[in-house]
């Protein structure tokens, strides 16, 4: 019966030394991954209102539409100033 190799012996071969591999940097690419990520975490209290991503997307799309319509309604066209009337 063969002996099972221990995981420690497979981890690093004898010809390699840890100091030859360079410093260990924890979270080396964390900032890059965070910047390229598009994951948004919503408040747990909102999960009752928005049960899935489709509900969140629909609500946000509706909000964008309302904002665009209201921006058009509040925009006043430029017009010539009124002339004073004689009393």
PDB file of N, CA and C in Angstrom:
ATOM      1  N   UNK A   1       0.843  -1.167   0.000  1.00  0.00           N
ATOM      2  CA  UNK A   1       0.000   0.000   0.000  1.00  0.00           C
ATOM      3  C   UNK A   1       0.893   1.236   0.000  1.00  0.00           C
ATOM      4  N   UNK A   2       0.561   2.208  -0.869  1.00  0.00           N
ATOM      5  CA  UNK A   2       1.346   3.438  -0.969  1.00  0.00           C
ATOM      6  C   UNK A   2       0.942   4.412   0.122  1.00  0.00           C
ATOM      7  N   UNK A   3       1.917   5.189   0.561  1.00  0.00           N
ATOM      8  CA  UNK A   3       1.610   6.240   1.528  1.00  0.00           C
ATOM      9  C   UNK A   3       1.019   7.437   0.794  1.00  0.00           C
ATOM     10  N   UNK A   4       0.051   8.040   1.372  1.00  0.00           N
ATOM     11  CA  UNK A   4      -0.521   9.249   0.789  1.00  0.00           C
ATOM     12  C   UNK A   4       0.432  10.406   1.033  1.00  0.00           C
ATOM     13  N   UNK A   5       0.635  11.201  -0.021  1.00  0.00           N
ATOM     14  CA  UNK A   5       1.517  12.359   0.129  1.00  0.00           C
ATOM     15  C   UNK A   5       0.802  13.423   0.958  1.00  0.00           C
ATOM     16  N   UNK A   6       1.542  14.049   1.794  1.00  0.00           N
ATOM     17  CA  UNK A   6       0.922  15.122   2.571  1.00  0.00           C
ATOM     18  C   UNK A   6       0.863  16.381   1.716  1.00  0.00           C
ATOM     19  N   UNK A   7      -0.119  17.217   1.992  1.00  0.00           N
ATOM     20  CA  UNK A   7      -0.287  18.448   1.226  1.00  0.00           C
ATOM     21  C   UNK A   7       0.884  19.388   1.428  1.00  0.00           C
ATOM     22  N   UNK A   8       1.505  19.357   2.582  1.00  0.00           N
ATOM     23  CA  UNK A   8       2.631  20.243   2.864  1.00  0.00           C
ATOM     24  C   UNK A   8       3.808  19.930   1.966  1.00  0.00           C
ATOM     25  N   UNK A   9       4.038  18.638   1.654  1.00  0.00           N
ATOM     26  CA  UNK A   9       5.168  18.288   0.804  1.00  0.00           C
ATOM     27  C   UNK A   9       4.919  18.688  -0.646  1.00  0.00           C
ATOM     28  N   UNK A  10       3.650  18.762  -1.091  1.00  0.00           N
ATOM     29  CA  UNK A  10       3.333  19.171  -2.448  1.00  0.00           C
ATOM     30  C   UNK A  10       3.290  20.681  -2.613  1.00  0.00           C
ATOM     31  N   UNK A  11       3.208  21.379  -1.523  1.00  0.00           N
ATOM     32  CA  UNK A  11       3.016  22.823  -1.590  1.00  0.00           C
ATOM     33  C   UNK A  11       4.209  23.550  -2.205  1.00  0.00           C
ATOM     34  N   UNK A  12       5.423  23.227  -1.786  1.00  0.00           N
ATOM     35  CA  UNK A  12       6.597  23.917  -2.299  1.00  0.00           C
ATOM     36  C   UNK A  12       7.716  22.900  -2.495  1.00  0.00           C
ATOM     37  N   UNK A  13       8.197  22.804  -3.694  1.00  0.00           N
ATOM     38  CA  UNK A  13       9.263  21.846  -3.979  1.00  0.00           C
ATOM     39  C   UNK A  13      10.548  22.263  -3.272  1.00  0.00           C
ATOM     40  N   UNK A  14      11.397  21.319  -2.965  1.00  0.00           N
ATOM     41  CA  UNK A  14      12.630  21.631  -2.222  1.00  0.00           C
ATOM     42  C   UNK A  14      13.561  22.597  -2.968  1.00  0.00           C
ATOM     43  N   UNK A  15      13.526  22.590  -4.303  1.00  0.00           N
ATOM     44  CA  UNK A  15      14.438  23.463  -5.048  1.00  0.00           C
ATOM     45  C   UNK A  15      13.993  24.930  -5.054  1.00  0.00           C
ATOM     46  N   UNK A  16      12.744  25.183  -4.640  1.00  0.00           N
ATOM     47  CA  UNK A  16      12.253  26.558  -4.563  1.00  0.00           C
ATOM     48  C   UNK A  16      12.357  27.060  -3.124  1.00  0.00           C
ATOM     49  N   UNK A  17      12.713  28.287  -2.998  1.00  0.00           N
ATOM     50  CA  UNK A  17      12.753  28.911  -1.674  1.00  0.00           C
ATOM     51  C   UNK A  17      11.731  30.042  -1.675  1.00  0.00           C
ATOM     52  N   UNK A  18      11.032  30.203  -0.597  1.00  0.00           N
ATOM     53  CA  UNK A  18       9.992  31.229  -0.506  1.00  0.00           C
ATOM     54  C   UNK A  18      10.537  32.621  -0.778  1.00  0.00           C
ATOM     55  N   UNK A  19      11.721  32.919  -0.300  1.00  0.00           N
ATOM     56  CA  UNK A  19      12.290  34.262  -0.494  1.00  0.00           C
ATOM     57  C   UNK A  19      12.639  34.543  -1.957  1.00  0.00           C
ATOM     58  N   UNK A  20      12.749  33.513  -2.800  1.00  0.00           N
ATOM     59  CA  UNK A  20      13.017  33.718  -4.224  1.00  0.00           C
ATOM     60  C   UNK A  20      11.765  34.142  -4.994  1.00  0.00           C
ATOM     61  N   UNK A  21      10.610  33.962  -4.405  1.00  0.00           N
ATOM     62  CA  UNK A  21       9.350  34.244  -5.097  1.00  0.00           C
ATOM     63  C   UNK A  21       8.860  35.676  -4.932  1.00  0.00           C
ATOM     64  N   UNK A  22       9.524  36.486  -4.149  1.00  0.00           N
ATOM     65  CA  UNK A  22       9.121  37.872  -3.953  1.00  0.00           C
ATOM     66  C   UNK A  22       8.206  38.046  -2.772  1.00  0.00           C
ATOM     67  N   UNK A  23       7.902  39.298  -2.464  1.00  0.00           N
ATOM     68  CA  UNK A  23       7.062  39.557  -1.278  1.00  0.00           C
ATOM     69  C   UNK A  23       5.607  39.154  -1.520  1.00  0.00           C
ATOM     70  N   UNK A  24       4.951  38.778  -0.457  1.00  0.00           N
ATOM     71  CA  UNK A  24       3.526  38.455  -0.526  1.00  0.00           C
ATOM     72  C   UNK A  24       2.764  39.762  -0.325  1.00  0.00           C
ATOM     73  N   UNK A  25       1.918  40.088  -1.283  1.00  0.00           N
ATOM     74  CA  UNK A  25       1.126  41.316  -1.195  1.00  0.00           C
ATOM     75  C   UNK A  25      -0.340  40.912  -1.150  1.00  0.00           C
ATOM     76  N   UNK A  26      -0.975  41.175  -0.038  1.00  0.00           N
ATOM     77  CA  UNK A  26      -2.386  40.820   0.122  1.00  0.00           C
ATOM     78  C   UNK A  26      -3.252  41.882  -0.553  1.00  0.00           C
ATOM     79  N   UNK A  27      -4.182  41.443  -1.397  1.00  0.00           N
ATOM     80  CA  UNK A  27      -5.079  42.375  -2.067  1.00  0.00           C
ATOM     81  C   UNK A  27      -4.383  43.190  -3.149  1.00  0.00           C
ATOM     82  N   UNK A  28      -3.417  42.601  -3.810  1.00  0.00           N
ATOM     83  CA  UNK A  28      -2.611  43.313  -4.808  1.00  0.00           C
ATOM     84  C   UNK A  28      -3.483  43.929  -5.913  1.00  0.00           C
ATOM     85  N   UNK A  29      -4.486  43.214  -6.340  1.00  0.00           N
ATOM     86  CA  UNK A  29      -5.327  43.683  -7.443  1.00  0.00           C
ATOM     87  C   UNK A  29      -6.708  44.139  -6.973  1.00  0.00           C
ATOM     88  N   UNK A  30      -6.895  44.323  -5.693  1.00  0.00           N
ATOM     89  CA  UNK A  30      -8.219  44.661  -5.149  1.00  0.00           C
ATOM     90  C   UNK A  30      -8.746  45.979  -5.704  1.00  0.00           C
ATOM     91  N   UNK A  31      -7.909  47.014  -5.776  1.00  0.00           N
ATOM     92  CA  UNK A  31      -8.374  48.313  -6.286  1.00  0.00           C
ATOM     93  C   UNK A  31      -8.788  48.215  -7.750  1.00  0.00           C
ATOM     94  N   UNK A  32      -8.023  47.474  -8.541  1.00  0.00           N
ATOM     95  CA  UNK A  32      -8.326  47.323  -9.961  1.00  0.00           C
ATOM     96  C   UNK A  32      -9.649  46.581 -10.152  1.00  0.00           C
ATOM     97  N   UNK A  33      -9.856  45.536  -9.383  1.00  0.00           N
ATOM     98  CA  UNK A  33     -11.097  44.772  -9.483  1.00  0.00           C
ATOM     99  C   UNK A  33     -12.276  45.612  -9.011  1.00  0.00           C
ATOM    100  N   UNK A  34     -12.085  46.360  -7.930  1.00  0.00           N
ATOM    101  CA  UNK A  34     -13.163  47.209  -7.411  1.00  0.00           C
ATOM    102  C   UNK A  34     -13.559  48.268  -8.436  1.00  0.00           C
ATOM    103  N   UNK A  35     -12.559  48.863  -9.119  1.00  0.00           N
ATOM    104  CA  UNK A  35     -12.848  49.899 -10.112  1.00  0.00           C
ATOM    105  C   UNK A  35     -13.585  49.348 -11.321  1.00  0.00           C
ATOM    106  N   UNK A  36     -13.308  48.109 -11.697  1.00  0.00           N
ATOM    107  CA  UNK A  36     -13.934  47.543 -12.887  1.00  0.00           C
ATOM    108  C   UNK A  36     -15.232  46.802 -12.576  1.00  0.00           C
ATOM    109  N   UNK A  37     -15.588  46.721 -11.322  1.00  0.00           N
ATOM    110  CA  UNK A  37     -16.779  45.996 -10.925  1.00  0.00           C
ATOM    111  C   UNK A  37     -18.019  46.862 -11.079  1.00  0.00           C
ATOM    112  N   UNK A  38     -19.126  46.243 -11.428  1.00  0.00           N
ATOM    113  CA  UNK A  38     -20.378  46.987 -11.541  1.00  0.00           C
ATOM    114  C   UNK A  38     -21.422  46.459 -10.565  1.00  0.00           C
ATOM    115  N   UNK A  39     -20.961  45.841  -9.502  1.00  0.00           N
ATOM    116  CA  UNK A  39     -21.869  45.293  -8.496  1.00  0.00           C
ATOM    117  C   UNK A  39     -22.265  46.403  -7.531  1.00  0.00           C
ATOM    118  N   UNK A  40     -23.542  46.524  -7.297  1.00  0.00           N
ATOM    119  CA  UNK A  40     -24.066  47.517  -6.367  1.00  0.00           C
ATOM    120  C   UNK A  40     -24.831  46.774  -5.284  1.00  0.00           C
ATOM    121  N   UNK A  41     -24.562  47.087  -4.036  1.00  0.00           N
ATOM    122  CA  UNK A  41     -25.249  46.446  -2.925  1.00  0.00           C
ATOM    123  C   UNK A  41     -26.299  47.408  -2.390  1.00  0.00           C
ATOM    124  N   UNK A  42     -27.541  46.951  -2.379  1.00  0.00           N
ATOM    125  CA  UNK A  42     -28.616  47.813  -1.879  1.00  0.00           C
ATOM    126  C   UNK A  42     -28.852  47.502  -0.403  1.00  0.00           C
ATOM    127  N   UNK A  43     -29.486  48.425   0.265  1.00  0.00           N
ATOM    128  CA  UNK A  43     -29.789  48.290   1.678  1.00  0.00           C
ATOM    129  C   UNK A  43     -30.714  47.089   1.888  1.00  0.00           C
ATOM    130  N   UNK A  44     -30.488  46.314   2.927  1.00  0.00           N
ATOM    131  CA  UNK A  44     -31.343  45.140   3.165  1.00  0.00           C
ATOM    132  C   UNK A  44     -32.834  45.475   3.302  1.00  0.00           C
ATOM    133  N   UNK A  45     -33.158  46.671   3.789  1.00  0.00           N
ATOM    134  CA  UNK A  45     -34.574  47.028   3.923  1.00  0.00           C
ATOM    135  C   UNK A  45     -35.236  47.198   2.550  1.00  0.00           C
ATOM    136  N   UNK A  46     -34.457  47.471   1.518  1.00  0.00           N
ATOM    137  CA  UNK A  46     -35.019  47.620   0.174  1.00  0.00           C
ATOM    138  C   UNK A  46     -35.230  46.288  -0.528  1.00  0.00           C
ATOM    139  N   UNK A  47     -34.653  45.225   0.006  1.00  0.00           N
ATOM    140  CA  UNK A  47     -34.798  43.920  -0.644  1.00  0.00           C
ATOM    141  C   UNK A  47     -36.246  43.431  -0.607  1.00  0.00           C
ATOM    142  N   UNK A  48     -37.053  43.950   0.307  1.00  0.00           N
ATOM    143  CA  UNK A  48     -38.470  43.592   0.341  1.00  0.00           C
ATOM    144  C   UNK A  48     -39.211  44.248  -0.819  1.00  0.00           C
ATOM    145  N   UNK A  49     -38.785  45.449  -1.190  1.00  0.00           N
ATOM    146  CA  UNK A  49     -39.432  46.186  -2.278  1.00  0.00           C
ATOM    147  C   UNK A  49     -38.920  45.718  -3.632  1.00  0.00           C
ATOM    148  N   UNK A  50     -37.616  45.430  -3.705  1.00  0.00           N
ATOM    149  CA  UNK A  50     -36.984  45.007  -4.945  1.00  0.00           C
ATOM    150  C   UNK A  50     -36.448  43.584  -4.774  1.00  0.00           C
ATOM    151  N   UNK A  51     -37.242  42.579  -5.088  1.00  0.00           N
ATOM    152  CA  UNK A  51     -36.826  41.199  -4.833  1.00  0.00           C
ATOM    153  C   UNK A  51     -35.762  40.659  -5.786  1.00  0.00           C
ATOM    154  N   UNK A  52     -35.610  41.290  -6.954  1.00  0.00           N
ATOM    155  CA  UNK A  52     -34.618  40.792  -7.909  1.00  0.00           C
ATOM    156  C   UNK A  52     -34.063  41.950  -8.744  1.00  0.00           C
ATOM    157  N   UNK A  53     -33.097  41.639  -9.595  1.00  0.00           N
ATOM    158  CA  UNK A  53     -32.454  42.694 -10.371  1.00  0.00           C
ATOM    159  C   UNK A  53     -33.401  43.322 -11.397  1.00  0.00           C
ATOM    160  N   UNK A  54     -34.364  42.561 -11.895  1.00  0.00           N
ATOM    161  CA  UNK A  54     -35.324  43.104 -12.857  1.00  0.00           C
ATOM    162  C   UNK A  54     -36.162  44.210 -12.221  1.00  0.00           C
ATOM    163  N   UNK A  55     -36.553  44.017 -10.975  1.00  0.00           N
ATOM    164  CA  UNK A  55     -37.346  45.027 -10.273  1.00  0.00           C
ATOM    165  C   UNK A  55     -36.533  46.294 -10.041  1.00  0.00           C
ATOM    166  N   UNK A  56     -35.276  46.127  -9.696  1.00  0.00           N
ATOM    167  CA  UNK A  56     -34.404  47.290  -9.483  1.00  0.00           C
ATOM    168  C   UNK A  56     -34.205  48.034 -10.796  1.00  0.00           C
ATOM    169  N   UNK A  57     -33.939  47.302 -11.871  1.00  0.00           N
ATOM    170  CA  UNK A  57     -33.722  47.934 -13.178  1.00  0.00           C
ATOM    171  C   UNK A  57     -34.971  48.662 -13.657  1.00  0.00           C
ATOM    172  N   UNK A  58     -36.134  48.068 -13.464  1.00  0.00           N
ATOM    173  CA  UNK A  58     -37.386  48.713 -13.888  1.00  0.00           C
ATOM    174  C   UNK A  58     -37.613  50.005 -13.105  1.00  0.00           C
ATOM    175  N   UNK A  59     -37.361  49.972 -11.809  1.00  0.00           N
ATOM    176  CA  UNK A  59     -37.562  51.163 -10.985  1.00  0.00           C
ATOM    177  C   UNK A  59     -36.596  52.273 -11.380  1.00  0.00           C
ATOM    178  N   UNK A  60     -35.346  51.918 -11.612  1.00  0.00           N
ATOM    179  CA  UNK A  60     -34.364  52.936 -12.001  1.00  0.00           C
ATOM    180  C   UNK A  60     -34.663  53.504 -13.382  1.00  0.00           C
ATOM    181  N   UNK A  61     -35.106  52.649 -14.314  1.00  0.00           N
ATOM    182  CA  UNK A  61     -35.463  53.133 -15.648  1.00  0.00           C
ATOM    183  C   UNK A  61     -36.655  54.080 -15.556  1.00  0.00           C
ATOM    184  N   UNK A  62     -37.636  53.765 -14.727  1.00  0.00           N
ATOM    185  CA  UNK A  62     -38.781  54.653 -14.533  1.00  0.00           C
ATOM    186  C   UNK A  62     -38.359  55.981 -13.928  1.00  0.00           C
ATOM    187  N   UNK A  63     -37.415  55.944 -13.000  1.00  0.00           N
ATOM    188  CA  UNK A  63     -36.915  57.168 -12.392  1.00  0.00           C
ATOM    189  C   UNK A  63     -36.199  58.047 -13.416  1.00  0.00           C
ATOM    190  N   UNK A  64     -35.442  57.430 -14.299  1.00  0.00           N
ATOM    191  CA  UNK A  64     -34.747  58.187 -15.351  1.00  0.00           C
ATOM    192  C   UNK A  64     -35.765  58.837 -16.287  1.00  0.00           C
ATOM    193  N   UNK A  65     -36.802  58.110 -16.654  1.00  0.00           N
ATOM    194  CA  UNK A  65     -37.833  58.663 -17.537  1.00  0.00           C
ATOM    195  C   UNK A  65     -38.552  59.843 -16.887  1.00  0.00           C
ATOM    196  N   UNK A  66     -38.897  59.711 -15.617  1.00  0.00           N
ATOM    197  CA  UNK A  66     -39.567  60.805 -14.898  1.00  0.00           C
ATOM    198  C   UNK A  66     -38.646  62.022 -14.824  1.00  0.00           C
ATOM    199  N   UNK A  67     -37.386  61.814 -14.566  1.00  0.00           N
ATOM    200  CA  UNK A  67     -36.437  62.919 -14.480  1.00  0.00           C
ATOM    201  C   UNK A  67     -36.305  63.625 -15.820  1.00  0.00           C
ATOM    202  N   UNK A  68     -36.291  62.862 -16.916  1.00  0.00           N
ATOM    203  CA  UNK A  68     -36.182  63.486 -18.239  1.00  0.00           C
ATOM    204  C   UNK A  68     -37.431  64.283 -18.583  1.00  0.00           C
ATOM    205  N   UNK A  69     -38.594  63.752 -18.265  1.00  0.00           N
ATOM    206  CA  UNK A  69     -39.854  64.459 -18.553  1.00  0.00           C
ATOM    207  C   UNK A  69     -39.943  65.722 -17.711  1.00  0.00           C
ATOM    208  N   UNK A  70     -39.615  65.635 -16.441  1.00  0.00           N
ATOM    209  CA  UNK A  70     -39.729  66.810 -15.583  1.00  0.00           C
ATOM    210  C   UNK A  70     -38.689  67.866 -15.961  1.00  0.00           C
ATOM    211  N   UNK A  71     -37.548  67.458 -16.468  1.00  0.00           N
ATOM    212  CA  UNK A  71     -36.549  68.435 -16.913  1.00  0.00           C
ATOM    213  C   UNK A  71     -37.072  69.210 -18.117  1.00  0.00           C
ATOM    214  N   UNK A  72     -37.818  68.525 -18.986  1.00  0.00           N
ATOM    215  CA  UNK A  72     -38.395  69.216 -20.149  1.00  0.00           C
ATOM    216  C   UNK A  72     -39.523  70.155 -19.737  1.00  0.00           C
ATOM    217  N   UNK A  73     -40.274  69.792 -18.695  1.00  0.00           N
ATOM    218  CA  UNK A  73     -41.390  70.627 -18.260  1.00  0.00           C
ATOM    219  C   UNK A  73     -40.915  71.895 -17.566  1.00  0.00           C
ATOM    220  N   UNK A  74     -39.832  71.852 -16.872  1.00  0.00           N
ATOM    221  CA  UNK A  74     -39.367  73.024 -16.145  1.00  0.00           C
ATOM    222  C   UNK A  74     -38.497  73.937 -16.991  1.00  0.00           C
ATOM    223  N   UNK A  75     -38.110  73.480 -18.165  1.00  0.00           N
ATOM    224  CA  UNK A  75     -37.293  74.319 -19.045  1.00  0.00           C
ATOM    225  C   UNK A  75     -38.180  75.403 -19.655  1.00  0.00           C
ATOM    226  N   UNK A  76     -37.826  76.641 -19.456  1.00  0.00           N
ATOM    227  CA  UNK A  76     -38.606  77.745 -20.015  1.00  0.00           C
ATOM    228  C   UNK A  76     -37.956  78.224 -21.306  1.00  0.00           C
ATOM    229  N   UNK A  77     -38.752  78.352 -22.336  1.00  0.00           N
ATOM    230  CA  UNK A  77     -38.175  78.851 -23.591  1.00  0.00           C
ATOM    231  C   UNK A  77     -37.794  80.323 -23.439  1.00  0.00           C
ATOM    232  N   UNK A  78     -36.774  80.703 -24.133  1.00  0.00           N
ATOM    233  CA  UNK A  78     -36.375  82.114 -24.070  1.00  0.00           C
ATOM    234  C   UNK A  78     -37.366  82.934 -24.889  1.00  0.00           C
ATOM    235  N   UNK A  79     -37.710  84.090 -24.382  1.00  0.00           N
ATOM    236  CA  UNK A  79     -38.636  84.961 -25.092  1.00  0.00           C
ATOM    237  C   UNK A  79     -38.222  86.403 -24.850  1.00  0.00           C
ATOM    238  N   UNK A  80     -38.756  87.267 -25.670  1.00  0.00           N
ATOM    239  CA  UNK A  80     -38.405  88.686 -25.553  1.00  0.00           C
ATOM    240  C   UNK A  80     -39.030  89.259 -24.281  1.00  0.00           C
ATOM    241  N   UNK A  81     -38.332  90.149 -23.613  1.00  0.00           N
ATOM    242  CA  UNK A  81     -38.903  90.744 -22.400  1.00  0.00           C
ATOM    243  C   UNK A  81     -40.135  91.581 -22.737  1.00  0.00           C
ATOM    244  N   UNK A  82     -41.041  91.652 -21.787  1.00  0.00           N
ATOM    245  CA  UNK A  82     -42.274  92.416 -22.003  1.00  0.00           C
ATOM    246  C   UNK A  82     -41.968  93.923 -21.983  1.00  0.00           C
ATOM    247  N   UNK A  83     -42.719  94.615 -22.792  1.00  0.00           N
ATOM    248  CA  UNK A  83     -42.574  96.062 -22.815  1.00  0.00           C
ATOM    249  C   UNK A  83     -43.433  96.646 -21.690  1.00  0.00           C
ATOM    250  N   UNK A  84     -42.943  97.650 -21.007  1.00  0.00           N
ATOM    251  CA  UNK A  84     -43.772  98.248 -19.957  1.00  0.00           C
ATOM    252  C   UNK A  84     -45.009  98.911 -20.564  1.00  0.00           C
ATOM    253  N   UNK A  85     -46.122  98.785 -19.892  1.00  0.00           N
ATOM    254  CA  UNK A  85     -47.363  99.396 -20.378  1.00  0.00           C
ATOM    255  C   UNK A  85     -47.535 100.760 -19.723  1.00  0.00           C
ATOM    256  N   UNK A  86     -48.069 101.694 -20.471  1.00  0.00           N
ATOM    257  CA  UNK A  86     -48.313 103.044 -19.941  1.00  0.00           C
ATOM    258  C   UNK A  86     -49.596 103.028 -19.130  1.00  0.00           C
ATOM    259  N   UNK A  87     -49.583 103.651 -17.999  1.00  0.00           N
ATOM    260  CA  UNK A  87     -50.762 103.669 -17.168  1.00  0.00           C
ATOM    261  C   UNK A  87     -51.521 104.952 -17.276  1.00  0.00           C
TER     262      UNK A  87
END
